[in-house]
Amino acid sequence: MRDILARTDPGDLYCFVARDGETLIGAVCFTRLRYVEDPRRVFLLSPMAVAPTQQRKGVGQRLIRHALAELSAAGSRPC
């Protein structure tokens, strides 16, 4: 993860976290994929993690929905 953060332009990386109070319970990152022949803004979802004690409670789903809404607001469209 540190390598991704160090090598990626800040405008090409969107990371979101879920917390329960001060406790980190989930995280998701979207990294932009660039193709010279294709001007679309395309993002790859990876990595995604939810704490084992919080899995199967909808945390990951809510986190991804929130992230997709933020990407959409920033001008990206679903493919």
PDB file of N, CA and C in Angstrom:
ATOM      1  N   MET A   1       0.825  -1.190   0.000  1.00  0.00           N
ATOM      2  CA  MET A   1       0.000   0.000   0.000  1.00  0.00           C
ATOM      3  C   MET A   1       0.870   1.255   0.000  1.00  0.00           C
ATOM      4  N   ARG A   2       1.924   1.256   0.781  1.00  0.00           N
ATOM      5  CA  ARG A   2       2.792   2.435   0.810  1.00  0.00           C
ATOM      6  C   ARG A   2       3.363   2.729  -0.563  1.00  0.00           C
ATOM      7  N   ASP A   3       3.714   1.669  -1.295  1.00  0.00           N
ATOM      8  CA  ASP A   3       4.265   1.827  -2.635  1.00  0.00           C
ATOM      9  C   ASP A   3       3.241   2.477  -3.565  1.00  0.00           C
ATOM     10  N   ILE A   4       1.993   2.032  -3.487  1.00  0.00           N
ATOM     11  CA  ILE A   4       0.932   2.625  -4.303  1.00  0.00           C
ATOM     12  C   ILE A   4       0.794   4.106  -3.973  1.00  0.00           C
ATOM     13  N   LEU A   5       0.754   4.427  -2.703  1.00  0.00           N
ATOM     14  CA  LEU A   5       0.607   5.825  -2.287  1.00  0.00           C
ATOM     15  C   LEU A   5       1.781   6.676  -2.754  1.00  0.00           C
ATOM     16  N   ALA A   6       2.978   6.138  -2.705  1.00  0.00           N
ATOM     17  CA  ALA A   6       4.171   6.904  -3.086  1.00  0.00           C
ATOM     18  C   ALA A   6       4.258   7.132  -4.592  1.00  0.00           C
ATOM     19  N   ARG A   7       3.795   6.175  -5.389  1.00  0.00           N
ATOM     20  CA  ARG A   7       3.961   6.254  -6.842  1.00  0.00           C
ATOM     21  C   ARG A   7       2.769   6.842  -7.587  1.00  0.00           C
ATOM     22  N   THR A   8       1.650   6.999  -6.937  1.00  0.00           N
ATOM     23  CA  THR A   8       0.425   7.402  -7.625  1.00  0.00           C
ATOM     24  C   THR A   8       0.131   8.879  -7.414  1.00  0.00           C
ATOM     25  N   ASP A   9      -0.201   9.556  -8.514  1.00  0.00           N
ATOM     26  CA  ASP A   9      -0.616  10.948  -8.441  1.00  0.00           C
ATOM     27  C   ASP A   9      -1.821  11.044  -7.507  1.00  0.00           C
ATOM     28  N   PRO A  10      -1.837  11.997  -6.585  1.00  0.00           N
ATOM     29  CA  PRO A  10      -2.951  12.100  -5.630  1.00  0.00           C
ATOM     30  C   PRO A  10      -4.331  12.195  -6.298  1.00  0.00           C
ATOM     31  N   GLY A  11      -4.400  12.775  -7.485  1.00  0.00           N
ATOM     32  CA  GLY A  11      -5.680  12.868  -8.190  1.00  0.00           C
ATOM     33  C   GLY A  11      -6.131  11.562  -8.799  1.00  0.00           C
ATOM     34  N   ASP A  12      -5.256  10.563  -8.794  1.00  0.00           N
ATOM     35  CA  ASP A  12      -5.567   9.256  -9.372  1.00  0.00           C
ATOM     36  C   ASP A  12      -5.808   8.198  -8.310  1.00  0.00           C
ATOM     37  N   LEU A  13      -5.892   8.610  -7.053  1.00  0.00           N
ATOM     38  CA  LEU A  13      -6.066   7.652  -5.957  1.00  0.00           C
ATOM     39  C   LEU A  13      -7.140   8.172  -5.008  1.00  0.00           C
ATOM     40  N   TYR A  14      -8.158   7.359  -4.819  1.00  0.00           N
ATOM     41  CA  TYR A  14      -9.231   7.693  -3.889  1.00  0.00           C
ATOM     42  C   TYR A  14      -9.287   6.600  -2.836  1.00  0.00           C
ATOM     43  N   CYS A  15      -9.080   6.954  -1.585  1.00  0.00           N
ATOM     44  CA  CYS A  15      -9.141   5.989  -0.486  1.00  0.00           C
ATOM     45  C   CYS A  15     -10.203   6.448   0.513  1.00  0.00           C
ATOM     46  N   PHE A  16     -10.961   5.473   0.996  1.00  0.00           N
ATOM     47  CA  PHE A  16     -12.037   5.746   1.941  1.00  0.00           C
ATOM     48  C   PHE A  16     -11.938   4.756   3.085  1.00  0.00           C
ATOM     49  N   VAL A  17     -12.308   5.195   4.271  1.00  0.00           N
ATOM     50  CA  VAL A  17     -12.269   4.318   5.436  1.00  0.00           C
ATOM     51  C   VAL A  17     -13.613   4.335   6.151  1.00  0.00           C
ATOM     52  N   ALA A  18     -13.873   3.265   6.874  1.00  0.00           N
ATOM     53  CA  ALA A  18     -15.046   3.170   7.741  1.00  0.00           C
ATOM     54  C   ALA A  18     -14.525   3.035   9.167  1.00  0.00           C
ATOM     55  N   ARG A  19     -15.151   3.751  10.062  1.00  0.00           N
ATOM     56  CA  ARG A  19     -14.743   3.711  11.470  1.00  0.00           C
ATOM     57  C   ARG A  19     -15.957   3.431  12.351  1.00  0.00           C
ATOM     58  N   ASP A  20     -15.676   2.801  13.457  1.00  0.00           N
ATOM     59  CA  ASP A  20     -16.646   2.641  14.524  1.00  0.00           C
ATOM     60  C   ASP A  20     -16.036   3.397  15.699  1.00  0.00           C
ATOM     61  N   GLY A  21     -16.461   4.641  15.871  1.00  0.00           N
ATOM     62  CA  GLY A  21     -15.800   5.515  16.837  1.00  0.00           C
ATOM     63  C   GLY A  21     -14.405   5.818  16.334  1.00  0.00           C
ATOM     64  N   GLU A  22     -13.411   5.500  17.114  1.00  0.00           N
ATOM     65  CA  GLU A  22     -12.012   5.719  16.719  1.00  0.00           C
ATOM     66  C   GLU A  22     -11.378   4.478  16.083  1.00  0.00           C
ATOM     67  N   THR A  23     -12.139   3.399  15.993  1.00  0.00           N
ATOM     68  CA  THR A  23     -11.597   2.142  15.479  1.00  0.00           C
ATOM     69  C   THR A  23     -11.812   2.022  13.978  1.00  0.00           C
ATOM     70  N   LEU A  24     -10.732   1.788  13.250  1.00  0.00           N
ATOM     71  CA  LEU A  24     -10.810   1.555  11.810  1.00  0.00           C
ATOM     72  C   LEU A  24     -11.389   0.165  11.581  1.00  0.00           C
ATOM     73  N   ILE A  25     -12.507   0.094  10.828  1.00  0.00           N
ATOM     74  CA  ILE A  25     -13.134  -1.211  10.598  1.00  0.00           C
ATOM     75  C   ILE A  25     -13.164  -1.604   9.125  1.00  0.00           C
ATOM     76  N   GLY A  26     -12.828  -0.666   8.232  1.00  0.00           N
ATOM     77  CA  GLY A  26     -12.813  -1.004   6.813  1.00  0.00           C
ATOM     78  C   GLY A  26     -12.101   0.051   6.004  1.00  0.00           C
ATOM     79  N   ALA A  27     -11.644  -0.359   4.824  1.00  0.00           N
ATOM     80  CA  ALA A  27     -10.978   0.577   3.916  1.00  0.00           C
ATOM     81  C   ALA A  27     -11.110   0.075   2.489  1.00  0.00           C
ATOM     82  N   VAL A  28     -11.196   1.015   1.573  1.00  0.00           N
ATOM     83  CA  VAL A  28     -11.238   0.693   0.150  1.00  0.00           C
ATOM     84  C   VAL A  28     -10.475   1.780  -0.604  1.00  0.00           C
ATOM     85  N   CYS A  29      -9.756   1.364  -1.639  1.00  0.00           N
ATOM     86  CA  CYS A  29      -9.043   2.312  -2.493  1.00  0.00           C
ATOM     87  C   CYS A  29      -9.415   2.065  -3.948  1.00  0.00           C
ATOM     88  N   PHE A  30      -9.506   3.141  -4.691  1.00  0.00           N
ATOM     89  CA  PHE A  30      -9.701   3.089  -6.134  1.00  0.00           C
ATOM     90  C   PHE A  30      -8.520   3.798  -6.769  1.00  0.00           C
ATOM     91  N   THR A  31      -7.870   3.139  -7.716  1.00  0.00           N
ATOM     92  CA  THR A  31      -6.716   3.693  -8.411  1.00  0.00           C
ATOM     93  C   THR A  31      -7.057   3.857  -9.884  1.00  0.00           C
ATOM     94  N   ARG A  32      -6.716   5.006 -10.434  1.00  0.00           N
ATOM     95  CA  ARG A  32      -7.031   5.273 -11.836  1.00  0.00           C
ATOM     96  C   ARG A  32      -6.159   4.441 -12.767  1.00  0.00           C
ATOM     97  N   LEU A  33      -6.806   3.889 -13.802  1.00  0.00           N
ATOM     98  CA  LEU A  33      -6.105   3.196 -14.872  1.00  0.00           C
ATOM     99  C   LEU A  33      -6.050   4.150 -16.059  1.00  0.00           C
ATOM    100  N   ARG A  34      -4.902   4.284 -16.658  1.00  0.00           N
ATOM    101  CA  ARG A  34      -4.748   5.179 -17.800  1.00  0.00           C
ATOM    102  C   ARG A  34      -4.316   4.404 -19.032  1.00  0.00           C
ATOM    103  N   TYR A  35      -5.024   4.671 -20.138  1.00  0.00           N
ATOM    104  CA  TYR A  35      -4.672   4.121 -21.434  1.00  0.00           C
ATOM    105  C   TYR A  35      -4.560   5.281 -22.407  1.00  0.00           C
ATOM    106  N   VAL A  36      -3.468   5.347 -23.127  1.00  0.00           N
ATOM    107  CA  VAL A  36      -3.219   6.455 -24.044  1.00  0.00           C
ATOM    108  C   VAL A  36      -4.349   6.595 -25.057  1.00  0.00           C
ATOM    109  N   GLU A  37      -4.874   5.485 -25.555  1.00  0.00           N
ATOM    110  CA  GLU A  37      -5.905   5.517 -26.591  1.00  0.00           C
ATOM    111  C   GLU A  37      -7.313   5.768 -26.053  1.00  0.00           C
ATOM    112  N   ASP A  38      -7.474   5.815 -24.750  1.00  0.00           N
ATOM    113  CA  ASP A  38      -8.813   5.910 -24.160  1.00  0.00           C
ATOM    114  C   ASP A  38      -8.874   7.060 -23.158  1.00  0.00           C
ATOM    115  N   PRO A  39      -9.658   8.106 -23.463  1.00  0.00           N
ATOM    116  CA  PRO A  39      -9.707   9.279 -22.586  1.00  0.00           C
ATOM    117  C   PRO A  39     -10.611   9.120 -21.350  1.00  0.00           C
ATOM    118  N   ARG A  40     -11.343   7.993 -21.247  1.00  0.00           N
ATOM    119  CA  ARG A  40     -12.262   7.830 -20.102  1.00  0.00           C
ATOM    120  C   ARG A  40     -11.487   7.764 -18.782  1.00  0.00           C
ATOM    121  N   ARG A  41     -12.188   8.182 -17.709  1.00  0.00           N
ATOM    122  CA  ARG A  41     -11.630   8.055 -16.354  1.00  0.00           C
ATOM    123  C   ARG A  41     -12.104   6.718 -15.796  1.00  0.00           C
ATOM    124  N   VAL A  42     -11.178   5.765 -15.724  1.00  0.00           N
ATOM    125  CA  VAL A  42     -11.497   4.413 -15.267  1.00  0.00           C
ATOM    126  C   VAL A  42     -10.711   4.143 -13.990  1.00  0.00           C
ATOM    127  N   PHE A  43     -11.405   3.597 -12.993  1.00  0.00           N
ATOM    128  CA  PHE A  43     -10.762   3.303 -11.713  1.00  0.00           C
ATOM    129  C   PHE A  43     -10.897   1.830 -11.379  1.00  0.00           C
ATOM    130  N   LEU A  44      -9.844   1.297 -10.785  1.00  0.00           N
ATOM    131  CA  LEU A  44      -9.788  -0.082 -10.341  1.00  0.00           C
ATOM    132  C   LEU A  44      -9.975  -0.111  -8.828  1.00  0.00           C
ATOM    133  N   LEU A  45     -10.898  -0.953  -8.358  1.00  0.00           N
ATOM    134  CA  LEU A  45     -11.119  -1.108  -6.929  1.00  0.00           C
ATOM    135  C   LEU A  45     -10.103  -2.114  -6.404  1.00  0.00           C
ATOM    136  N   SER A  46      -9.211  -1.667  -5.579  1.00  0.00           N
ATOM    137  CA  SER A  46      -8.236  -2.543  -4.936  1.00  0.00           C
ATOM    138  C   SER A  46      -7.267  -1.686  -4.133  1.00  0.00           C
ATOM    139  N   PRO A  47      -6.983  -2.016  -2.943  1.00  0.00           N
ATOM    140  CA  PRO A  47      -7.497  -3.116  -2.141  1.00  0.00           C
ATOM    141  C   PRO A  47      -8.797  -2.748  -1.432  1.00  0.00           C
ATOM    142  N   MET A  48      -9.418  -3.766  -0.868  1.00  0.00           N
ATOM    143  CA  MET A  48     -10.643  -3.621  -0.078  1.00  0.00           C
ATOM    144  C   MET A  48     -10.482  -4.499   1.142  1.00  0.00           C
ATOM    145  N   ALA A  49     -10.797  -3.972   2.317  1.00  0.00           N
ATOM    146  CA  ALA A  49     -10.666  -4.768   3.541  1.00  0.00           C
ATOM    147  C   ALA A  49     -11.707  -4.339   4.563  1.00  0.00           C
ATOM    148  N   VAL A  50     -12.225  -5.321   5.279  1.00  0.00           N
ATOM    149  CA  VAL A  50     -13.121  -5.077   6.408  1.00  0.00           C
ATOM    150  C   VAL A  50     -12.633  -5.966   7.544  1.00  0.00           C
ATOM    151  N   ALA A  51     -12.580  -5.411   8.735  1.00  0.00           N
ATOM    152  CA  ALA A  51     -12.138  -6.166   9.908  1.00  0.00           C
ATOM    153  C   ALA A  51     -12.991  -7.440  10.050  1.00  0.00           C
ATOM    154  N   PRO A  52     -12.360  -8.555  10.360  1.00  0.00           N
ATOM    155  CA  PRO A  52     -13.112  -9.815  10.475  1.00  0.00           C
ATOM    156  C   PRO A  52     -14.333  -9.729  11.397  1.00  0.00           C
ATOM    157  N   THR A  53     -14.229  -8.989  12.473  1.00  0.00           N
ATOM    158  CA  THR A  53     -15.358  -8.882  13.412  1.00  0.00           C
ATOM    159  C   THR A  53     -16.503  -8.050  12.848  1.00  0.00           C
ATOM    160  N   GLN A  54     -16.255  -7.328  11.752  1.00  0.00           N
ATOM    161  CA  GLN A  54     -17.276  -6.465  11.158  1.00  0.00           C
ATOM    162  C   GLN A  54     -17.811  -7.001   9.834  1.00  0.00           C
ATOM    163  N   GLN A  55     -17.294  -8.128   9.384  1.00  0.00           N
ATOM    164  CA  GLN A  55     -17.735  -8.700   8.114  1.00  0.00           C
ATOM    165  C   GLN A  55     -19.154  -9.241   8.235  1.00  0.00           C
ATOM    166  N   ARG A  56     -19.840  -9.254   7.074  1.00  0.00           N
ATOM    167  CA  ARG A  56     -21.220  -9.733   6.965  1.00  0.00           C
ATOM    168  C   ARG A  56     -22.210  -8.833   7.711  1.00  0.00           C
ATOM    169  N   LYS A  57     -21.830  -7.563   7.876  1.00  0.00           N
ATOM    170  CA  LYS A  57     -22.703  -6.584   8.530  1.00  0.00           C
ATOM    171  C   LYS A  57     -23.030  -5.421   7.596  1.00  0.00           C
ATOM    172  N   GLY A  58     -22.586  -5.496   6.339  1.00  0.00           N
ATOM    173  CA  GLY A  58     -22.874  -4.441   5.375  1.00  0.00           C
ATOM    174  C   GLY A  58     -21.849  -3.321   5.329  1.00  0.00           C
ATOM    175  N   VAL A  59     -20.793  -3.426   6.123  1.00  0.00           N
ATOM    176  CA  VAL A  59     -19.778  -2.368   6.169  1.00  0.00           C
ATOM    177  C   VAL A  59     -19.132  -2.189   4.796  1.00  0.00           C
ATOM    178  N   GLY A  60     -18.708  -3.283   4.181  1.00  0.00           N
ATOM    179  CA  GLY A  60     -18.054  -3.203   2.876  1.00  0.00           C
ATOM    180  C   GLY A  60     -18.975  -2.644   1.808  1.00  0.00           C
ATOM    181  N   GLN A  61     -20.216  -3.088   1.805  1.00  0.00           N
ATOM    182  CA  GLN A  61     -21.195  -2.591   0.837  1.00  0.00           C
ATOM    183  C   GLN A  61     -21.402  -1.088   0.975  1.00  0.00           C
ATOM    184  N   ARG A  62     -21.588  -0.622   2.198  1.00  0.00           N
ATOM    185  CA  ARG A  62     -21.792   0.813   2.420  1.00  0.00           C
ATOM    186  C   ARG A  62     -20.542   1.603   2.033  1.00  0.00           C
ATOM    187  N   LEU A  63     -19.390   1.061   2.331  1.00  0.00           N
ATOM    188  CA  LEU A  63     -18.133   1.727   1.994  1.00  0.00           C
ATOM    189  C   LEU A  63     -17.981   1.863   0.478  1.00  0.00           C
ATOM    190  N   ILE A  64     -18.267   0.806  -0.256  1.00  0.00           N
ATOM    191  CA  ILE A  64     -18.167   0.858  -1.720  1.00  0.00           C
ATOM    192  C   ILE A  64     -19.202   1.809  -2.300  1.00  0.00           C
ATOM    193  N   ARG A  65     -20.436   1.766  -1.804  1.00  0.00           N
ATOM    194  CA  ARG A  65     -21.462   2.709  -2.299  1.00  0.00           C
ATOM    195  C   ARG A  65     -21.034   4.155  -2.080  1.00  0.00           C
ATOM    196  N   HIS A  66     -20.509   4.441  -0.907  1.00  0.00           N
ATOM    197  CA  HIS A  66     -20.046   5.799  -0.609  1.00  0.00           C
ATOM    198  C   HIS A  66     -18.918   6.189  -1.565  1.00  0.00           C
ATOM    199  N   ALA A  67     -17.952   5.290  -1.749  1.00  0.00           N
ATOM    200  CA  ALA A  67     -16.814   5.570  -2.631  1.00  0.00           C
ATOM    201  C   ALA A  67     -17.275   5.810  -4.065  1.00  0.00           C
ATOM    202  N   LEU A  68     -18.203   4.992  -4.555  1.00  0.00           N
ATOM    203  CA  LEU A  68     -18.701   5.176  -5.926  1.00  0.00           C
ATOM    204  C   LEU A  68     -19.441   6.504  -6.079  1.00  0.00           C
ATOM    205  N   ALA A  69     -20.180   6.907  -5.060  1.00  0.00           N
ATOM    206  CA  ALA A  69     -20.868   8.205  -5.110  1.00  0.00           C
ATOM    207  C   ALA A  69     -19.848   9.338  -5.169  1.00  0.00           C
ATOM    208  N   GLU A  70     -18.782   9.230  -4.398  1.00  0.00           N
ATOM    209  CA  GLU A  70     -17.732  10.260  -4.416  1.00  0.00           C
ATOM    210  C   GLU A  70     -17.018  10.293  -5.765  1.00  0.00           C
ATOM    211  N   LEU A  71     -16.722   9.148  -6.331  1.00  0.00           N
ATOM    212  CA  LEU A  71     -16.090   9.097  -7.658  1.00  0.00           C
ATOM    213  C   LEU A  71     -17.003   9.710  -8.709  1.00  0.00           C
ATOM    214  N   SER A  72     -18.294   9.409  -8.622  1.00  0.00           N
ATOM    215  CA  SER A  72     -19.270   9.983  -9.555  1.00  0.00           C
ATOM    216  C   SER A  72     -19.302  11.504  -9.422  1.00  0.00           C
ATOM    217  N   ALA A  73     -19.313  12.000  -8.200  1.00  0.00           N
ATOM    218  CA  ALA A  73     -19.309  13.452  -7.962  1.00  0.00           C
ATOM    219  C   ALA A  73     -18.044  14.103  -8.500  1.00  0.00           C
ATOM    220  N   ALA A  74     -16.963  13.330  -8.559  1.00  0.00           N
ATOM    221  CA  ALA A  74     -15.684  13.861  -9.079  1.00  0.00           C
ATOM    222  C   ALA A  74     -15.584  13.743 -10.603  1.00  0.00           C
ATOM    223  N   GLY A  75     -16.644  13.225 -11.244  1.00  0.00           N
ATOM    224  CA  GLY A  75     -16.666  13.184 -12.708  1.00  0.00           C
ATOM    225  C   GLY A  75     -16.458  11.836 -13.345  1.00  0.00           C
ATOM    226  N   SER A  76     -16.387  10.787 -12.558  1.00  0.00           N
ATOM    227  CA  SER A  76     -16.249   9.441 -13.123  1.00  0.00           C
ATOM    228  C   SER A  76     -17.630   8.838 -13.313  1.00  0.00           C
ATOM    229  N   ARG A  77     -17.746   7.977 -14.316  1.00  0.00           N
ATOM    230  CA  ARG A  77     -19.009   7.295 -14.574  1.00  0.00           C
ATOM    231  C   ARG A  77     -18.787   5.796 -14.535  1.00  0.00           C
ATOM    232  N   PRO A  78     -19.807   5.042 -14.089  1.00  0.00           N
ATOM    233  CA  PRO A  78     -19.675   3.583 -14.144  1.00  0.00           C
ATOM    234  C   PRO A  78     -19.601   3.113 -15.588  1.00  0.00           C
ATOM    235  N   CYS A  79     -18.852   2.069 -15.821  1.00  0.00           N
ATOM    236  CA  CYS A  79     -18.756   1.491 -17.180  1.00  0.00           C
ATOM    237  C   CYS A  79     -19.800   0.428 -17.370  1.00  0.00           C
TER     238      CYS A  79
END
